[in-house]
Amino acid sequence: TTEGKPSDATIISIVDSIDINGEYVYRKDKE
């Protein structure tokens, strides 16, 4: 379903990296 949206995987990877850093706006999304 997301075959035409490779950016989704990219965003997930970015969020993962941010989560590792533990210092970003996405942090509040993981609360």
N, C-alpha and C. Protein backbone atom coordinates (compact mmCIF):
# COMPACT_ATOMS: atom_id res chain seq x y z
N THR A 1 0.84 -1.20 0.00
CA THR A 1 0.00 0.00 0.00
C THR A 1 0.88 1.25 0.00
N THR A 2 2.06 1.16 0.59
CA THR A 2 2.96 2.32 0.65
C THR A 2 4.08 2.16 -0.36
N GLU A 3 3.86 1.34 -1.39
CA GLU A 3 4.90 1.14 -2.40
C GLU A 3 5.19 2.43 -3.14
N GLY A 4 4.17 3.25 -3.34
CA GLY A 4 4.36 4.51 -4.05
C GLY A 4 4.78 5.62 -3.11
N LYS A 5 5.04 5.27 -1.85
CA LYS A 5 5.45 6.30 -0.88
C LYS A 5 6.71 5.87 -0.14
N PRO A 6 7.85 5.89 -0.82
CA PRO A 6 9.12 5.51 -0.19
C PRO A 6 9.52 6.50 0.89
N SER A 7 8.92 7.69 0.83
CA SER A 7 9.24 8.72 1.82
C SER A 7 8.78 8.28 3.20
N ASP A 8 7.74 7.44 3.24
CA ASP A 8 7.24 6.94 4.53
C ASP A 8 8.34 6.21 5.28
N ALA A 9 9.03 5.32 4.56
CA ALA A 9 10.12 4.56 5.17
C ALA A 9 11.23 5.50 5.60
N THR A 10 11.47 6.51 4.78
CA THR A 10 12.51 7.49 5.11
C THR A 10 12.15 8.24 6.39
N ILE A 11 10.89 8.63 6.48
CA ILE A 11 10.43 9.36 7.67
C ILE A 11 10.58 8.48 8.91
N ILE A 12 10.24 7.21 8.77
CA ILE A 12 10.34 6.28 9.90
C ILE A 12 11.80 6.18 10.34
N SER A 13 12.70 6.09 9.35
CA SER A 13 14.13 6.00 9.66
C SER A 13 14.59 7.25 10.38
N ILE A 14 14.11 8.40 9.91
CA ILE A 14 14.49 9.67 10.53
C ILE A 14 13.98 9.71 11.97
N VAL A 15 12.73 9.30 12.16
CA VAL A 15 12.14 9.31 13.50
C VAL A 15 12.92 8.38 14.41
N ASP A 16 13.36 7.23 13.85
CA ASP A 16 14.15 6.28 14.64
C ASP A 16 15.45 6.94 15.10
N SER A 17 16.11 7.63 14.18
CA SER A 17 17.37 8.29 14.50
C SER A 17 17.15 9.37 15.55
N ILE A 18 16.06 10.10 15.40
CA ILE A 18 15.73 11.15 16.35
C ILE A 18 15.45 10.54 17.72
N ASP A 19 14.74 9.42 17.72
CA ASP A 19 14.40 8.75 18.97
C ASP A 19 15.68 8.33 19.70
N ILE A 20 16.69 7.92 18.92
CA ILE A 20 17.97 7.52 19.51
C ILE A 20 18.63 8.73 20.16
N ASN A 21 18.55 9.86 19.48
CA ASN A 21 19.14 11.09 20.02
C ASN A 21 18.39 11.51 21.27
N GLY A 22 17.08 11.30 21.25
CA GLY A 22 16.27 11.61 22.43
C GLY A 22 16.09 13.10 22.65
N GLU A 23 16.34 13.88 21.62
CA GLU A 23 16.17 15.33 21.77
C GLU A 23 15.56 15.91 20.51
N TYR A 24 14.24 15.87 20.43
CA TYR A 24 13.56 16.43 19.27
C TYR A 24 12.07 16.54 19.52
N VAL A 25 11.37 17.20 18.62
CA VAL A 25 9.93 17.41 18.77
C VAL A 25 9.19 16.07 18.73
N TYR A 26 9.75 15.13 17.96
CA TYR A 26 9.10 13.82 17.84
C TYR A 26 9.08 13.09 19.18
N ARG A 27 9.87 13.56 20.13
CA ARG A 27 9.91 12.93 21.44
C ARG A 27 8.52 12.91 22.06
N LYS A 28 7.81 14.04 21.98
CA LYS A 28 6.48 14.16 22.58
C LYS A 28 5.51 13.18 21.93
N ASP A 29 5.81 12.76 20.71
CA ASP A 29 4.94 11.82 20.01
C ASP A 29 5.13 10.41 20.57
N LYS A 30 6.25 10.19 21.25
CA LYS A 30 6.55 8.87 21.81
C LYS A 30 6.16 8.80 23.28
N GLU A 31 5.54 9.85 23.79
CA GLU A 31 5.13 9.85 25.19
C GLU A 31 3.91 8.96 25.34
